[in-house]
Amino acid sequence: MDQPASLFVLGSFVVACSAKVPHLPRPGESLRAEAFTAEPGGKGLNLALGAHRLGARVDGIFSIGTDLFSQLAQSAFAQTGLSSAMLRQVDAKTGSGIGFTDSHGENCLAVCPGANLLLSAQDIRSVEQAVREAHLVLAQFEIGDEPILEAFALAQDAGVRTLLNPSPFRHVDQRMLEYTSVLVLNCVEATQLAEASGFGAHGTLESLNDMAAALLEQGPELIVVTLGSEGAIAYQKGIPPLRQPSFPVKVIDTLGAGDAFTAGLAVGLLQGRPLPECLRQATACGAILCMEIGVFDVLPNFEQLDLFLAAQDAERIQ
């Protein structure tokens, strides 16, 4: 039997703390939290673990520190079956972050990248063969531009597709766009990119359409924007935008939902599924995550995903 297609993640690891609060805190306000979690996290780990649980063969590279938090990273990789060979230990503090989720499931968060920002182009060159042999190389913005540019250039040279999730948002290097096959953003990040690119300051659908049309001329072959409760929209050159509605679930916590979506999308693309199926699978992964507090233990496996989709199909038929 052929092995599953491989995904190489330019990772980040963060000790993720989150608090469930009545409303997002205002300046100077102290709140009583209804729930609190502290778990292994970071966008890179979420993407790698999400894809791994959906059956993808995952490789990657992660930078962690030498502090006590680094032990949590090593334990998390061992617990989930991800290879500890992906971890690079540097003389720095391991990344950490904190998020708040209100009673409506909306969230805000802050991340201190720490060791994640020490991942370098030289580190990428040390795993060049793995990058070139992957079927999809995935990056996010809890690491610096240098390793992403190096990995994406290697991938492009080897004919390997790349996926960029520019979150937390910052300026997107033009060279990076040229190396990017698939660009995935949430509605806030898309608005920020549209504003930075001069396509409107109000985040309207028209400005997003204009931005997508322009970006599709600069490198990406597929742009996907997640719209929260409105689902997602995908853009391809010469094809009308494709809308994917959200699933009607009770939203408890939206932290990590975007990572679950991107992992589901990446695995669908790896499997060669048609784009509508990829979007439906990705949206389902995000919806499943929203139904509980936390990310690490909630990212769905393929059995949970299949059961969720089957239940949605049965409900639609009734």
C-alpha atoms as a PDB file:
ATOM      1  CA  MET A   1       0.000   0.000   0.000  1.00  0.00           C
ATOM      2  CA  ASP A   2       1.294   3.437  -0.888  1.00  0.00           C
ATOM      3  CA  GLN A   3       2.095   5.734   2.020  1.00  0.00           C
ATOM      4  CA  PRO A   4      -0.120   8.770   2.505  1.00  0.00           C
ATOM      5  CA  ALA A   5       1.101  11.926   0.766  1.00  0.00           C
ATOM      6  CA  SER A   6       3.483  13.871   2.986  1.00  0.00           C
ATOM      7  CA  LEU A   7       3.154  17.337   4.433  1.00  0.00           C
ATOM      8  CA  PHE A   8       6.149  19.331   5.701  1.00  0.00           C
ATOM      9  CA  VAL A   9       5.305  21.952   8.345  1.00  0.00           C
ATOM     10  CA  LEU A  10       7.452  24.972   9.104  1.00  0.00           C
ATOM     11  CA  GLY A  11       6.303  24.845  12.671  1.00  0.00           C
ATOM     12  CA  SER A  12       5.919  26.894  15.778  1.00  0.00           C
ATOM     13  CA  PHE A  13       5.436  25.613  19.305  1.00  0.00           C
ATOM     14  CA  VAL A  14       3.732  27.697  21.973  1.00  0.00           C
ATOM     15  CA  VAL A  15       2.583  26.912  25.485  1.00  0.00           C
ATOM     16  CA  ALA A  16      -0.995  28.053  24.954  1.00  0.00           C
ATOM     17  CA  CYS A  17      -3.031  29.445  27.837  1.00  0.00           C
ATOM     18  CA  SER A  18      -6.651  30.431  27.330  1.00  0.00           C
ATOM     19  CA  ALA A  19      -9.429  31.770  29.521  1.00  0.00           C
ATOM     20  CA  LYS A  20     -13.181  31.658  28.960  1.00  0.00           C
ATOM     21  CA  VAL A  21     -14.605  35.038  30.050  1.00  0.00           C
ATOM     22  CA  PRO A  22     -18.034  36.744  29.941  1.00  0.00           C
ATOM     23  CA  HIS A  23     -16.704  39.362  27.509  1.00  0.00           C
ATOM     24  CA  LEU A  24     -13.345  40.333  26.088  1.00  0.00           C
ATOM     25  CA  PRO A  25     -11.472  42.449  28.671  1.00  0.00           C
ATOM     26  CA  ARG A  26     -11.400  46.219  28.418  1.00  0.00           C
ATOM     27  CA  PRO A  27      -8.304  48.270  29.379  1.00  0.00           C
ATOM     28  CA  GLY A  28      -7.734  48.061  33.138  1.00  0.00           C
ATOM     29  CA  GLU A  29     -10.496  45.486  33.663  1.00  0.00           C
ATOM     30  CA  SER A  30     -10.100  42.313  35.735  1.00  0.00           C
ATOM     31  CA  LEU A  31     -12.446  39.446  34.943  1.00  0.00           C
ATOM     32  CA  ARG A  32     -13.369  36.170  36.559  1.00  0.00           C
ATOM     33  CA  ALA A  33     -12.745  33.319  34.122  1.00  0.00           C
ATOM     34  CA  GLU A  34     -15.304  30.547  33.755  1.00  0.00           C
ATOM     35  CA  ALA A  35     -12.652  28.100  32.527  1.00  0.00           C
ATOM     36  CA  PHE A  36      -8.905  28.029  31.978  1.00  0.00           C
ATOM     37  CA  THR A  37      -6.677  25.756  29.902  1.00  0.00           C
ATOM     38  CA  ALA A  38      -2.916  25.466  29.472  1.00  0.00           C
ATOM     39  CA  GLU A  39      -1.808  23.074  26.742  1.00  0.00           C
ATOM     40  CA  PRO A  40       0.745  22.462  23.991  1.00  0.00           C
ATOM     41  CA  GLY A  41      -0.087  24.735  21.093  1.00  0.00           C
ATOM     42  CA  GLY A  42       1.123  27.160  18.487  1.00  0.00           C
ATOM     43  CA  LYS A  43      -0.123  27.416  14.910  1.00  0.00           C
ATOM     44  CA  GLY A  44       2.610  25.108  13.639  1.00  0.00           C
ATOM     45  CA  LEU A  45       1.859  22.370  16.150  1.00  0.00           C
ATOM     46  CA  ASN A  46      -1.880  22.692  15.551  1.00  0.00           C
ATOM     47  CA  LEU A  47      -1.388  22.334  11.799  1.00  0.00           C
ATOM     48  CA  ALA A  48       0.966  19.373  12.120  1.00  0.00           C
ATOM     49  CA  LEU A  49      -1.171  17.597  14.691  1.00  0.00           C
ATOM     50  CA  GLY A  50      -4.416  18.340  12.865  1.00  0.00           C
ATOM     51  CA  ALA A  51      -3.058  16.874   9.629  1.00  0.00           C
ATOM     52  CA  HIS A  52      -1.512  13.910  11.460  1.00  0.00           C
ATOM     53  CA  ARG A  53      -4.839  13.014  13.074  1.00  0.00           C
ATOM     54  CA  LEU A  54      -6.506  13.147   9.653  1.00  0.00           C
ATOM     55  CA  GLY A  55      -4.091  10.530   8.356  1.00  0.00           C
ATOM     56  CA  ALA A  56      -1.364  12.605   6.681  1.00  0.00           C
ATOM     57  CA  ARG A  57       2.275  11.602   7.003  1.00  0.00           C
ATOM     58  CA  VAL A  58       3.708  14.717   8.642  1.00  0.00           C
ATOM     59  CA  ASP A  59       7.283  15.955   8.802  1.00  0.00           C
ATOM     60  CA  GLY A  60       8.529  19.390   9.795  1.00  0.00           C
ATOM     61  CA  ILE A  61      10.841  21.550  11.855  1.00  0.00           C
ATOM     62  CA  PHE A  62      10.143  23.329  15.160  1.00  0.00           C
ATOM     63  CA  SER A  63      12.359  25.544  17.327  1.00  0.00           C
ATOM     64  CA  ILE A  64      11.970  25.280  21.121  1.00  0.00           C
ATOM     65  CA  GLY A  65      13.929  26.711  24.050  1.00  0.00           C
ATOM     66  CA  THR A  66      15.916  25.242  26.915  1.00  0.00           C
ATOM     67  CA  ASP A  67      13.444  26.177  29.674  1.00  0.00           C
ATOM     68  CA  LEU A  68      10.876  24.010  31.459  1.00  0.00           C
ATOM     69  CA  PHE A  69       8.299  24.685  28.751  1.00  0.00           C
ATOM     70  CA  SER A  70      10.492  22.812  26.255  1.00  0.00           C
ATOM     71  CA  GLN A  71       9.722  19.602  28.151  1.00  0.00           C
ATOM     72  CA  LEU A  72       6.040  20.116  27.347  1.00  0.00           C
ATOM     73  CA  ALA A  73       6.923  20.193  23.653  1.00  0.00           C
ATOM     74  CA  GLN A  74       8.870  16.960  23.846  1.00  0.00           C
ATOM     75  CA  SER A  75       6.062  15.309  25.811  1.00  0.00           C
ATOM     76  CA  ALA A  76       3.416  16.518  23.352  1.00  0.00           C
ATOM     77  CA  PHE A  77       5.258  15.110  20.359  1.00  0.00           C
ATOM     78  CA  ALA A  78       5.749  11.767  22.092  1.00  0.00           C
ATOM     79  CA  GLN A  79       2.110  11.623  23.193  1.00  0.00           C
ATOM     80  CA  THR A  80       0.686  12.308  19.751  1.00  0.00           C
ATOM     81  CA  GLY A  81       3.045  10.176  17.681  1.00  0.00           C
ATOM     82  CA  LEU A  82       4.766  13.117  15.972  1.00  0.00           C
ATOM     83  CA  SER A  83       8.505  12.568  15.543  1.00  0.00           C
ATOM     84  CA  SER A  84      10.680  14.371  18.094  1.00  0.00           C
ATOM     85  CA  ALA A  85      13.307  14.616  15.333  1.00  0.00           C
ATOM     86  CA  MET A  86      11.340  17.676  14.180  1.00  0.00           C
ATOM     87  CA  LEU A  87      12.389  19.601  17.315  1.00  0.00           C
ATOM     88  CA  ARG A  88      15.409  21.931  17.320  1.00  0.00           C
ATOM     89  CA  GLN A  89      16.471  23.180  20.754  1.00  0.00           C
ATOM     90  CA  VAL A  90      18.039  26.657  21.017  1.00  0.00           C
ATOM     91  CA  ASP A  91      19.242  28.850  23.876  1.00  0.00           C
ATOM     92  CA  ALA A  92      16.062  30.864  24.304  1.00  0.00           C
ATOM     93  CA  LYS A  93      12.653  30.763  25.927  1.00  0.00           C
ATOM     94  CA  THR A  94      10.031  28.489  24.419  1.00  0.00           C
ATOM     95  CA  GLY A  95       7.146  30.330  22.767  1.00  0.00           C
ATOM     96  CA  SER A  96       4.084  31.116  24.870  1.00  0.00           C
ATOM     97  CA  GLY A  97       0.740  32.787  24.435  1.00  0.00           C
ATOM     98  CA  ILE A  98      -2.578  33.633  26.036  1.00  0.00           C
ATOM     99  CA  GLY A  99      -6.050  33.969  24.584  1.00  0.00           C
ATOM    100  CA  PHE A 100      -9.477  35.093  25.784  1.00  0.00           C
ATOM    101  CA  THR A 101     -12.786  33.720  24.513  1.00  0.00           C
ATOM    102  CA  ASP A 102     -16.069  35.486  25.302  1.00  0.00           C
ATOM    103  CA  SER A 103     -19.569  34.070  25.791  1.00  0.00           C
ATOM    104  CA  HIS A 104     -20.255  34.276  22.035  1.00  0.00           C
ATOM    105  CA  GLY A 105     -17.153  32.285  21.147  1.00  0.00           C
ATOM    106  CA  GLU A 106     -15.233  35.295  19.825  1.00  0.00           C
ATOM    107  CA  ASN A 107     -11.593  35.541  20.830  1.00  0.00           C
ATOM    108  CA  CYS A 108      -8.461  37.606  20.992  1.00  0.00           C
ATOM    109  CA  LEU A 109      -4.948  36.407  21.731  1.00  0.00           C
ATOM    110  CA  ALA A 110      -1.327  37.429  22.051  1.00  0.00           C
ATOM    111  CA  VAL A 111       1.714  35.276  21.371  1.00  0.00           C
ATOM    112  CA  CYS A 112       5.331  35.721  22.454  1.00  0.00           C
ATOM    113  CA  PRO A 113       7.202  33.714  19.787  1.00  0.00           C
ATOM    114  CA  GLY A 114      10.430  33.246  21.760  1.00  0.00           C
ATOM    115  CA  ALA A 115      12.492  30.413  20.254  1.00  0.00           C
ATOM    116  CA  ASN A 116      10.222  30.238  17.219  1.00  0.00           C
ATOM    117  CA  LEU A 117      11.836  33.383  15.805  1.00  0.00           C
ATOM    118  CA  LEU A 118      15.270  31.730  15.918  1.00  0.00           C
ATOM    119  CA  LEU A 119      14.332  29.215  13.245  1.00  0.00           C
ATOM    120  CA  SER A 120      16.677  30.132  10.371  1.00  0.00           C
ATOM    121  CA  ALA A 121      17.322  29.523   6.694  1.00  0.00           C
ATOM    122  CA  GLN A 122      20.302  27.427   7.748  1.00  0.00           C
ATOM    123  CA  ASP A 123      17.945  25.201   9.765  1.00  0.00           C
ATOM    124  CA  ILE A 124      15.846  24.753   6.642  1.00  0.00           C
ATOM    125  CA  ARG A 125      18.871  23.809   4.567  1.00  0.00           C
ATOM    126  CA  SER A 126      19.612  21.083   7.110  1.00  0.00           C
ATOM    127  CA  VAL A 127      16.285  19.442   6.176  1.00  0.00           C
ATOM    128  CA  GLU A 128      16.406  20.305   2.469  1.00  0.00           C
ATOM    129  CA  GLN A 129      15.816  16.738   1.310  1.00  0.00           C
ATOM    130  CA  ALA A 130      12.662  16.401   3.410  1.00  0.00           C
ATOM    131  CA  VAL A 131      11.323  19.683   2.004  1.00  0.00           C
ATOM    132  CA  ARG A 132      12.012  18.588  -1.570  1.00  0.00           C
ATOM    133  CA  GLU A 133      10.403  15.173  -1.046  1.00  0.00           C
ATOM    134  CA  ALA A 134       7.205  16.526   0.498  1.00  0.00           C
ATOM    135  CA  HIS A 135       3.978  16.879  -1.479  1.00  0.00           C
ATOM    136  CA  LEU A 136       2.975  20.089   0.292  1.00  0.00           C
ATOM    137  CA  VAL A 137       5.052  22.526   2.379  1.00  0.00           C
ATOM    138  CA  LEU A 138       3.092  24.597   4.870  1.00  0.00           C
ATOM    139  CA  ALA A 139       4.097  27.754   6.794  1.00  0.00           C
ATOM    140  CA  GLN A 140       2.562  30.267   9.173  1.00  0.00           C
ATOM    141  CA  PHE A 141       3.698  33.588  10.649  1.00  0.00           C
ATOM    142  CA  GLU A 142       4.725  32.608  14.182  1.00  0.00           C
ATOM    143  CA  ILE A 143       8.178  32.239  12.622  1.00  0.00           C
ATOM    144  CA  GLY A 144      10.236  34.749  10.632  1.00  0.00           C
ATOM    145  CA  ASP A 145      10.332  35.350   6.887  1.00  0.00           C
ATOM    146  CA  GLU A 146      13.819  33.911   6.373  1.00  0.00           C
ATOM    147  CA  PRO A 147      13.018  30.203   6.908  1.00  0.00           C
ATOM    148  CA  ILE A 148       9.757  30.497   4.952  1.00  0.00           C
ATOM    149  CA  LEU A 149      11.465  32.063   1.939  1.00  0.00           C
ATOM    150  CA  GLU A 150      14.203  29.412   2.015  1.00  0.00           C
ATOM    151  CA  ALA A 151      11.777  26.501   2.296  1.00  0.00           C
ATOM    152  CA  PHE A 152       9.328  27.831  -0.286  1.00  0.00           C
ATOM    153  CA  ALA A 153      12.149  28.506  -2.765  1.00  0.00           C
ATOM    154  CA  LEU A 154      13.414  24.938  -2.306  1.00  0.00           C
ATOM    155  CA  ALA A 155       9.883  23.603  -2.693  1.00  0.00           C
ATOM    156  CA  GLN A 156       9.220  25.585  -5.847  1.00  0.00           C
ATOM    157  CA  ASP A 157      12.518  24.415  -7.334  1.00  0.00           C
ATOM    158  CA  ALA A 158      11.466  20.812  -6.643  1.00  0.00           C
ATOM    159  CA  GLY A 159       7.962  21.283  -8.041  1.00  0.00           C
ATOM    160  CA  VAL A 160       6.355  21.015  -4.594  1.00  0.00           C
ATOM    161  CA  ARG A 161       3.218  23.014  -3.752  1.00  0.00           C
ATOM    162  CA  THR A 162       3.282  25.434  -0.825  1.00  0.00           C
ATOM    163  CA  LEU A 163       0.594  26.726   1.526  1.00  0.00           C
ATOM    164  CA  LEU A 164       0.946  29.970   3.484  1.00  0.00           C
ATOM    165  CA  ASN A 165      -1.232  31.037   6.413  1.00  0.00           C
ATOM    166  CA  PRO A 166       0.050  34.584   7.179  1.00  0.00           C
ATOM    167  CA  SER A 167      -1.108  34.623  10.798  1.00  0.00           C
ATOM    168  CA  PRO A 168      -0.473  36.520  13.036  1.00  0.00           C
ATOM    169  CA  PHE A 169      -0.639  39.000  10.182  1.00  0.00           C
ATOM    170  CA  ARG A 170       2.334  41.088   9.113  1.00  0.00           C
ATOM    171  CA  HIS A 171       3.543  42.472   5.804  1.00  0.00           C
ATOM    172  CA  VAL A 172       3.720  39.658   3.241  1.00  0.00           C
ATOM    173  CA  ASP A 173       6.992  39.727   1.299  1.00  0.00           C
ATOM    174  CA  GLN A 174       6.390  39.875  -2.460  1.00  0.00           C
ATOM    175  CA  ARG A 175       8.889  37.043  -3.008  1.00  0.00           C
ATOM    176  CA  MET A 176       6.912  34.894  -0.594  1.00  0.00           C
ATOM    177  CA  LEU A 177       3.731  35.436  -2.607  1.00  0.00           C
ATOM    178  CA  GLU A 178       5.578  34.371  -5.757  1.00  0.00           C
ATOM    179  CA  TYR A 179       6.555  31.109  -4.021  1.00  0.00           C
ATOM    180  CA  THR A 180       3.075  30.468  -2.551  1.00  0.00           C
ATOM    181  CA  SER A 181       0.674  28.027  -4.221  1.00  0.00           C
ATOM    182  CA  VAL A 182      -2.182  28.272  -1.691  1.00  0.00           C
ATOM    183  CA  LEU A 183      -2.879  31.318   0.495  1.00  0.00           C
ATOM    184  CA  VAL A 184      -5.236  30.865   3.478  1.00  0.00           C
ATOM    185  CA  LEU A 185      -6.434  33.845   5.562  1.00  0.00           C
ATOM    186  CA  ASN A 186      -9.261  34.637   7.931  1.00  0.00           C
ATOM    187  CA  CYS A 187     -11.525  37.604   7.247  1.00  0.00           C
ATOM    188  CA  VAL A 188      -9.532  39.946   9.512  1.00  0.00           C
ATOM    189  CA  GLU A 189      -6.217  39.014   7.902  1.00  0.00           C
ATOM    190  CA  ALA A 190      -7.763  39.326   4.443  1.00  0.00           C
ATOM    191  CA  THR A 191      -8.989  42.818   5.327  1.00  0.00           C
ATOM    192  CA  GLN A 192      -5.520  43.758   6.583  1.00  0.00           C
ATOM    193  CA  LEU A 193      -3.941  42.457   3.388  1.00  0.00           C
ATOM    194  CA  ALA A 194      -6.549  44.231   1.249  1.00  0.00           C
ATOM    195  CA  GLU A 195      -5.868  47.511   3.054  1.00  0.00           C
ATOM    196  CA  ALA A 196      -2.087  47.057   2.770  1.00  0.00           C
ATOM    197  CA  SER A 197      -2.498  46.310  -0.943  1.00  0.00           C
ATOM    198  CA  GLY A 198      -4.754  49.309  -1.577  1.00  0.00           C
ATOM    199  CA  PHE A 199      -7.950  47.379  -2.252  1.00  0.00           C
ATOM    200  CA  GLY A 200     -10.190  49.156   0.215  1.00  0.00           C
ATOM    201  CA  ALA A 201     -10.234  49.855   3.938  1.00  0.00           C
ATOM    202  CA  HIS A 202     -13.593  48.362   4.879  1.00  0.00           C
ATOM    203  CA  GLY A 203     -13.128  44.643   4.319  1.00  0.00           C
ATOM    204  CA  THR A 204     -16.057  44.455   1.878  1.00  0.00           C
ATOM    205  CA  LEU A 205     -16.589  41.404  -0.291  1.00  0.00           C
ATOM    206  CA  GLU A 206     -15.873  43.584  -3.316  1.00  0.00           C
ATOM    207  CA  SER A 207     -12.487  44.620  -1.911  1.00  0.00           C
ATOM    208  CA  LEU A 208     -11.680  40.970  -1.129  1.00  0.00           C
ATOM    209  CA  ASN A 209     -12.624  39.979  -4.679  1.00  0.00           C
ATOM    210  CA  ASP A 210     -10.380  42.706  -6.088  1.00  0.00           C
ATOM    211  CA  MET A 211      -7.531  41.692  -3.782  1.00  0.00           C
ATOM    212  CA  ALA A 212      -7.861  38.024  -4.709  1.00  0.00           C
ATOM    213  CA  ALA A 213      -7.899  38.785  -8.433  1.00  0.00           C
ATOM    214  CA  ALA A 214      -4.700  40.814  -8.087  1.00  0.00           C
ATOM    215  CA  LEU A 215      -2.940  38.260  -5.867  1.00  0.00           C
ATOM    216  CA  LEU A 216      -3.762  35.426  -8.269  1.00  0.00           C
ATOM    217  CA  GLU A 217      -1.588  37.255 -10.798  1.00  0.00           C
ATOM    218  CA  GLN A 218       1.344  37.338  -8.364  1.00  0.00           C
ATOM    219  CA  GLY A 219       1.895  33.663  -7.539  1.00  0.00           C
ATOM    220  CA  PRO A 220      -0.911  31.891  -5.659  1.00  0.00           C
ATOM    221  CA  GLU A 221      -3.116  29.521  -7.644  1.00  0.00           C
ATOM    222  CA  LEU A 222      -5.690  29.290  -4.845  1.00  0.00           C
ATOM    223  CA  ILE A 223      -6.748  31.814  -2.193  1.00  0.00           C
ATOM    224  CA  VAL A 224      -9.098  30.774   0.617  1.00  0.00           C
ATOM    225  CA  VAL A 225     -10.658  33.255   3.043  1.00  0.00           C
ATOM    226  CA  THR A 226     -12.460  31.979   6.134  1.00  0.00           C
ATOM    227  CA  LEU A 227     -15.463  34.098   7.123  1.00  0.00           C
ATOM    228  CA  GLY A 228     -16.394  32.758  10.560  1.00  0.00           C
ATOM    229  CA  SER A 229     -20.118  32.069  10.758  1.00  0.00           C
ATOM    230  CA  GLU A 230     -20.405  32.873   7.039  1.00  0.00           C
ATOM    231  CA  GLY A 231     -18.239  29.889   6.070  1.00  0.00           C
ATOM    232  CA  ALA A 232     -15.404  30.306   3.580  1.00  0.00           C
ATOM    233  CA  ILE A 233     -14.787  31.530   0.060  1.00  0.00           C
ATOM    234  CA  ALA A 234     -12.178  30.280  -2.412  1.00  0.00           C
ATOM    235  CA  TYR A 235     -10.719  32.089  -5.395  1.00  0.00           C
ATOM    236  CA  GLN A 236      -9.020  30.638  -8.458  1.00  0.00           C
ATOM    237  CA  LYS A 237      -7.954  32.413 -11.632  1.00  0.00           C
ATOM    238  CA  GLY A 238     -10.620  32.481 -14.330  1.00  0.00           C
ATOM    239  CA  ILE A 239     -13.223  30.734 -12.139  1.00  0.00           C
ATOM    240  CA  PRO A 240     -16.082  32.346 -10.162  1.00  0.00           C
ATOM    241  CA  PRO A 241     -15.503  32.396  -6.376  1.00  0.00           C
ATOM    242  CA  LEU A 242     -16.592  29.202  -4.617  1.00  0.00           C
ATOM    243  CA  ARG A 243     -18.602  29.627  -1.406  1.00  0.00           C
ATOM    244  CA  GLN A 244     -18.680  27.060   1.392  1.00  0.00           C
ATOM    245  CA  PRO A 245     -21.346  27.684   4.062  1.00  0.00           C
ATOM    246  CA  SER A 246     -20.608  27.101   7.726  1.00  0.00           C
ATOM    247  CA  PHE A 247     -22.090  24.228   9.700  1.00  0.00           C
ATOM    248  CA  PRO A 248     -24.773  25.048  12.309  1.00  0.00           C
ATOM    249  CA  VAL A 249     -23.077  24.153  15.593  1.00  0.00           C
ATOM    250  CA  LYS A 250     -23.164  25.599  19.093  1.00  0.00           C
ATOM    251  CA  VAL A 251     -19.992  27.669  19.288  1.00  0.00           C
ATOM    252  CA  ILE A 252     -18.135  27.361  22.592  1.00  0.00           C
ATOM    253  CA  ASP A 253     -14.606  28.459  21.704  1.00  0.00           C
ATOM    254  CA  THR A 254     -13.195  29.616  18.362  1.00  0.00           C
ATOM    255  CA  LEU A 255      -9.516  29.548  19.360  1.00  0.00           C
ATOM    256  CA  GLY A 256      -7.656  27.276  16.953  1.00  0.00           C
ATOM    257  CA  ALA A 257     -10.585  26.908  14.556  1.00  0.00           C
ATOM    258  CA  GLY A 258      -8.597  28.511  11.752  1.00  0.00           C
ATOM    259  CA  ASP A 259      -5.736  26.066  12.296  1.00  0.00           C
ATOM    260  CA  ALA A 260      -8.153  23.120  12.222  1.00  0.00           C
ATOM    261  CA  PHE A 261      -9.627  24.493   8.979  1.00  0.00           C
ATOM    262  CA  THR A 262      -6.197  24.867   7.365  1.00  0.00           C
ATOM    263  CA  ALA A 263      -5.141  21.368   8.443  1.00  0.00           C
ATOM    264  CA  GLY A 264      -8.334  19.915   6.966  1.00  0.00           C
ATOM    265  CA  LEU A 265      -7.831  21.862   3.741  1.00  0.00           C
ATOM    266  CA  ALA A 266      -4.187  20.775   3.460  1.00  0.00           C
ATOM    267  CA  VAL A 267      -5.054  17.101   3.899  1.00  0.00           C
ATOM    268  CA  GLY A 268      -7.847  17.348   1.343  1.00  0.00           C
ATOM    269  CA  LEU A 269      -5.450  18.881  -1.169  1.00  0.00           C
ATOM    270  CA  LEU A 270      -2.867  16.188  -0.402  1.00  0.00           C
ATOM    271  CA  GLN A 271      -5.496  13.537  -1.087  1.00  0.00           C
ATOM    272  CA  GLY A 272      -6.280  15.108  -4.448  1.00  0.00           C
ATOM    273  CA  ARG A 273      -9.917  15.765  -3.560  1.00  0.00           C
ATOM    274  CA  PRO A 274     -11.971  18.254  -5.604  1.00  0.00           C
ATOM    275  CA  LEU A 275     -11.862  21.766  -4.136  1.00  0.00           C
ATOM    276  CA  PRO A 276     -15.525  21.738  -2.944  1.00  0.00           C
ATOM    277  CA  GLU A 277     -14.785  18.572  -0.920  1.00  0.00           C
ATOM    278  CA  CYS A 278     -11.603  20.120   0.480  1.00  0.00           C
ATOM    279  CA  LEU A 279     -13.501  23.213   1.619  1.00  0.00           C
ATOM    280  CA  ARG A 280     -16.296  21.145   3.158  1.00  0.00           C
ATOM    281  CA  GLN A 281     -13.791  18.988   5.043  1.00  0.00           C
ATOM    282  CA  ALA A 282     -11.863  22.038   6.219  1.00  0.00           C
ATOM    283  CA  THR A 283     -15.007  23.822   7.396  1.00  0.00           C
ATOM    284  CA  ALA A 284     -16.115  20.715   9.264  1.00  0.00           C
ATOM    285  CA  CYS A 285     -12.759  20.518  11.063  1.00  0.00           C
ATOM    286  CA  GLY A 286     -13.132  24.135  12.155  1.00  0.00           C
ATOM    287  CA  ALA A 287     -16.716  23.563  13.298  1.00  0.00           C
ATOM    288  CA  ILE A 288     -15.764  20.508  15.375  1.00  0.00           C
ATOM    289  CA  LEU A 289     -13.110  22.521  17.175  1.00  0.00           C
ATOM    290  CA  CYS A 290     -15.569  25.316  17.992  1.00  0.00           C
ATOM    291  CA  MET A 291     -17.813  22.936  19.928  1.00  0.00           C
ATOM    292  CA  GLU A 292     -15.392  22.461  22.844  1.00  0.00           C
ATOM    293  CA  ILE A 293     -12.813  24.394  24.859  1.00  0.00           C
ATOM    294  CA  GLY A 294      -9.201  23.777  23.921  1.00  0.00           C
ATOM    295  CA  VAL A 295      -7.328  22.722  20.802  1.00  0.00           C
ATOM    296  CA  PHE A 296      -4.732  20.024  21.522  1.00  0.00           C
ATOM    297  CA  ASP A 297      -7.227  17.348  22.587  1.00  0.00           C
ATOM    298  CA  VAL A 298     -10.037  18.555  20.309  1.00  0.00           C
ATOM    299  CA  LEU A 299      -8.448  18.563  16.842  1.00  0.00           C
ATOM    300  CA  PRO A 300     -10.470  15.830  15.080  1.00  0.00           C
ATOM    301  CA  ASN A 301      -9.210  12.557  13.664  1.00  0.00           C
ATOM    302  CA  PHE A 302     -10.591  11.184  10.392  1.00  0.00           C
ATOM    303  CA  GLU A 303     -13.181   9.009  12.158  1.00  0.00           C
ATOM    304  CA  GLN A 304     -14.594  12.002  14.075  1.00  0.00           C
ATOM    305  CA  LEU A 305     -14.617  14.031  10.865  1.00  0.00           C
ATOM    306  CA  ASP A 306     -16.483  11.319   8.953  1.00  0.00           C
ATOM    307  CA  LEU A 307     -19.064  10.957  11.737  1.00  0.00           C
ATOM    308  CA  PHE A 308     -19.619  14.722  11.859  1.00  0.00           C
ATOM    309  CA  LEU A 309     -20.099  14.985   8.093  1.00  0.00           C
ATOM    310  CA  ALA A 310     -22.394  11.965   8.045  1.00  0.00           C
ATOM    311  CA  ALA A 311     -24.529  13.531  10.771  1.00  0.00           C
ATOM    312  CA  GLN A 312     -24.703  16.798   8.818  1.00  0.00           C
ATOM    313  CA  ASP A 313     -25.780  14.920   5.689  1.00  0.00           C
ATOM    314  CA  ALA A 314     -28.470  13.006   7.610  1.00  0.00           C
ATOM    315  CA  GLU A 315     -29.825  16.207   9.125  1.00  0.00           C
ATOM    316  CA  ARG A 316     -29.955  17.898   5.733  1.00  0.00           C
ATOM    317  CA  ILE A 317     -31.950  15.018   4.236  1.00  0.00           C
ATOM    318  CA  GLN A 318     -34.571  15.049   7.017  1.00  0.00           C
END
